Amino acid sequence: MTTTVGIRELARNSKILEQHDYVDVVDKRTHIYKGLFVSPRYAEEFKAYLARKIKKEKRKSLDDIMQFAGISDSQFGENSVQKLTAEKRKKYDE
């Protein structure tokens, strides 16, 4: 069972959280969605879902970054920044 309540109503009566599976919280005056409260019955399952989703997003972000890191990896090899700078100076000093 679900419901939508205002912030003030939730502050006055926290028993609403015990009676529903999840509760949408909306600012009744401005009609802005403020958040979601999940029943303790579903909290662990929801946390696990969020952890999987966050891990997937991080993996995708890292894969996107590593796509470009691979380009420079073959070009510069295992050299450090200092070594690359020294080689560059040597090249232009000659």
C-alpha atoms as a PDB file:
ATOM      1  CA  MET A   1       0.000   0.000   0.000  1.00  0.00           C
ATOM      2  CA  THR A   2       1.327   3.449  -0.888  1.00  0.00           C
ATOM      3  CA  THR A   3       0.389   7.036  -0.250  1.00  0.00           C
ATOM      4  CA  THR A   4       1.490  10.604  -0.874  1.00  0.00           C
ATOM      5  CA  VAL A   5       1.794  12.965   2.078  1.00  0.00           C
ATOM      6  CA  GLY A   6       2.990  16.477   2.729  1.00  0.00           C
ATOM      7  CA  ILE A   7       6.035  17.323   4.795  1.00  0.00           C
ATOM      8  CA  ARG A   8       3.993  18.911   7.574  1.00  0.00           C
ATOM      9  CA  GLU A   9       1.597  15.967   7.721  1.00  0.00           C
ATOM     10  CA  LEU A  10       4.553  13.576   8.029  1.00  0.00           C
ATOM     11  CA  ALA A  11       6.072  15.672  10.809  1.00  0.00           C
ATOM     12  CA  ARG A  12       2.791  15.627  12.739  1.00  0.00           C
ATOM     13  CA  ASN A  13       2.065  11.921  12.303  1.00  0.00           C
ATOM     14  CA  SER A  14       5.014   9.568  11.795  1.00  0.00           C
ATOM     15  CA  LYS A  15       2.716   6.526  12.171  1.00  0.00           C
ATOM     16  CA  ILE A  16       1.981   6.950   8.455  1.00  0.00           C
ATOM     17  CA  LEU A  17       5.338   5.293   7.735  1.00  0.00           C
ATOM     18  CA  GLU A  18       4.334   2.108   9.564  1.00  0.00           C
ATOM     19  CA  GLN A  19       1.043   1.725   7.721  1.00  0.00           C
ATOM     20  CA  HIS A  20       2.364   1.797   4.121  1.00  0.00           C
ATOM     21  CA  ASP A  21       4.932  -0.015   1.964  1.00  0.00           C
ATOM     22  CA  TYR A  22       6.370   3.283   0.791  1.00  0.00           C
ATOM     23  CA  VAL A  23       5.397   6.909   1.196  1.00  0.00           C
ATOM     24  CA  ASP A  24       5.973   9.659  -1.361  1.00  0.00           C
ATOM     25  CA  VAL A  25       6.690  13.019   0.261  1.00  0.00           C
ATOM     26  CA  VAL A  26       5.562  16.149  -1.581  1.00  0.00           C
ATOM     27  CA  ASP A  27       5.638  19.790  -0.552  1.00  0.00           C
ATOM     28  CA  LYS A  28       1.902  20.521  -0.795  1.00  0.00           C
ATOM     29  CA  ARG A  29       2.390  24.274  -1.162  1.00  0.00           C
ATOM     30  CA  THR A  30       4.905  24.226  -4.044  1.00  0.00           C
ATOM     31  CA  HIS A  31       4.056  20.713  -5.365  1.00  0.00           C
ATOM     32  CA  ILE A  32       7.739  19.765  -5.411  1.00  0.00           C
ATOM     33  CA  TYR A  33       8.591  16.088  -4.933  1.00  0.00           C
ATOM     34  CA  LYS A  34      10.818  15.805  -1.851  1.00  0.00           C
ATOM     35  CA  GLY A  35      11.559  12.115  -1.531  1.00  0.00           C
ATOM     36  CA  LEU A  36      10.514   8.613  -0.692  1.00  0.00           C
ATOM     37  CA  PHE A  37      10.310   6.642   2.539  1.00  0.00           C
ATOM     38  CA  VAL A  38      10.524   2.859   2.235  1.00  0.00           C
ATOM     39  CA  SER A  39       9.019   0.417   4.724  1.00  0.00           C
ATOM     40  CA  PRO A  40      11.524  -1.476   6.895  1.00  0.00           C
ATOM     41  CA  ARG A  41      10.239  -4.681   5.256  1.00  0.00           C
ATOM     42  CA  TYR A  42      11.706  -3.600   1.915  1.00  0.00           C
ATOM     43  CA  ALA A  43      14.642  -1.506   3.143  1.00  0.00           C
ATOM     44  CA  GLU A  44      17.362  -4.190   2.803  1.00  0.00           C
ATOM     45  CA  GLU A  45      16.151  -5.246  -0.633  1.00  0.00           C
ATOM     46  CA  PHE A  46      16.046  -1.602  -1.759  1.00  0.00           C
ATOM     47  CA  LYS A  47      19.563  -0.949  -0.387  1.00  0.00           C
ATOM     48  CA  ALA A  48      20.878  -3.959  -2.302  1.00  0.00           C
ATOM     49  CA  TYR A  49      19.214  -2.709  -5.492  1.00  0.00           C
ATOM     50  CA  LEU A  50      20.736   0.757  -5.053  1.00  0.00           C
ATOM     51  CA  ALA A  51      24.177  -0.715  -4.362  1.00  0.00           C
ATOM     52  CA  ARG A  52      23.992  -2.746  -7.595  1.00  0.00           C
ATOM     53  CA  LYS A  53      22.831   0.290  -9.568  1.00  0.00           C
ATOM     54  CA  ILE A  54      25.561   2.559  -8.161  1.00  0.00           C
ATOM     55  CA  LYS A  55      28.220  -0.092  -8.832  1.00  0.00           C
ATOM     56  CA  LYS A  56      26.994  -0.442 -12.421  1.00  0.00           C
ATOM     57  CA  GLU A  57      27.109   3.343 -12.969  1.00  0.00           C
ATOM     58  CA  LYS A  58      30.635   3.571 -11.528  1.00  0.00           C
ATOM     59  CA  ARG A  59      31.779   0.663 -13.703  1.00  0.00           C
ATOM     60  CA  LYS A  60      30.356   2.381 -16.793  1.00  0.00           C
ATOM     61  CA  SER A  61      32.068   5.642 -15.890  1.00  0.00           C
ATOM     62  CA  LEU A  62      35.393   3.870 -15.332  1.00  0.00           C
ATOM     63  CA  ASP A  63      35.039   2.008 -18.619  1.00  0.00           C
ATOM     64  CA  ASP A  64      34.473   5.323 -20.413  1.00  0.00           C
ATOM     65  CA  ILE A  65      37.588   6.806 -18.789  1.00  0.00           C
ATOM     66  CA  MET A  66      39.699   3.716 -19.450  1.00  0.00           C
ATOM     67  CA  GLN A  67      38.820   3.952 -23.122  1.00  0.00           C
ATOM     68  CA  PHE A  68      40.911   7.131 -23.280  1.00  0.00           C
ATOM     69  CA  ALA A  69      43.552   5.901 -20.844  1.00  0.00           C
ATOM     70  CA  GLY A  70      44.319   3.046 -23.216  1.00  0.00           C
ATOM     71  CA  ILE A  71      45.158   5.537 -25.967  1.00  0.00           C
ATOM     72  CA  SER A  72      47.910   7.209 -23.979  1.00  0.00           C
ATOM     73  CA  ASP A  73      49.078   3.932 -22.462  1.00  0.00           C
ATOM     74  CA  SER A  74      50.505   2.623 -25.719  1.00  0.00           C
ATOM     75  CA  GLN A  75      51.978   5.975 -26.656  1.00  0.00           C
ATOM     76  CA  PHE A  76      53.926   6.640 -23.460  1.00  0.00           C
ATOM     77  CA  GLY A  77      54.432   3.140 -22.110  1.00  0.00           C
ATOM     78  CA  GLU A  78      55.366   2.833 -18.446  1.00  0.00           C
ATOM     79  CA  ASN A  79      57.221   6.150 -18.220  1.00  0.00           C
ATOM     80  CA  SER A  80      56.624   8.543 -15.353  1.00  0.00           C
ATOM     81  CA  VAL A  81      55.693  12.192 -15.837  1.00  0.00           C
ATOM     82  CA  GLN A  82      59.207  13.259 -14.873  1.00  0.00           C
ATOM     83  CA  LYS A  83      60.787  10.942 -17.425  1.00  0.00           C
ATOM     84  CA  LEU A  84      58.434  12.105 -20.169  1.00  0.00           C
ATOM     85  CA  THR A  85      59.189  15.746 -19.351  1.00  0.00           C
ATOM     86  CA  ALA A  86      62.938  15.074 -19.473  1.00  0.00           C
ATOM     87  CA  GLU A  87      62.593  13.337 -22.845  1.00  0.00           C
ATOM     88  CA  LYS A  88      60.572  16.234 -24.188  1.00  0.00           C
ATOM     89  CA  ARG A  89      63.167  18.775 -23.040  1.00  0.00           C
ATOM     90  CA  LYS A  90      65.953  16.698 -24.568  1.00  0.00           C
ATOM     91  CA  LYS A  91      64.059  16.536 -27.863  1.00  0.00           C
ATOM     92  CA  TYR A  92      63.581  20.307 -28.104  1.00  0.00           C
ATOM     93  CA  ASP A  93      67.041  21.222 -26.773  1.00  0.00           C
ATOM     94  CA  GLU A  94      68.778  19.416 -29.633  1.00  0.00           C
END
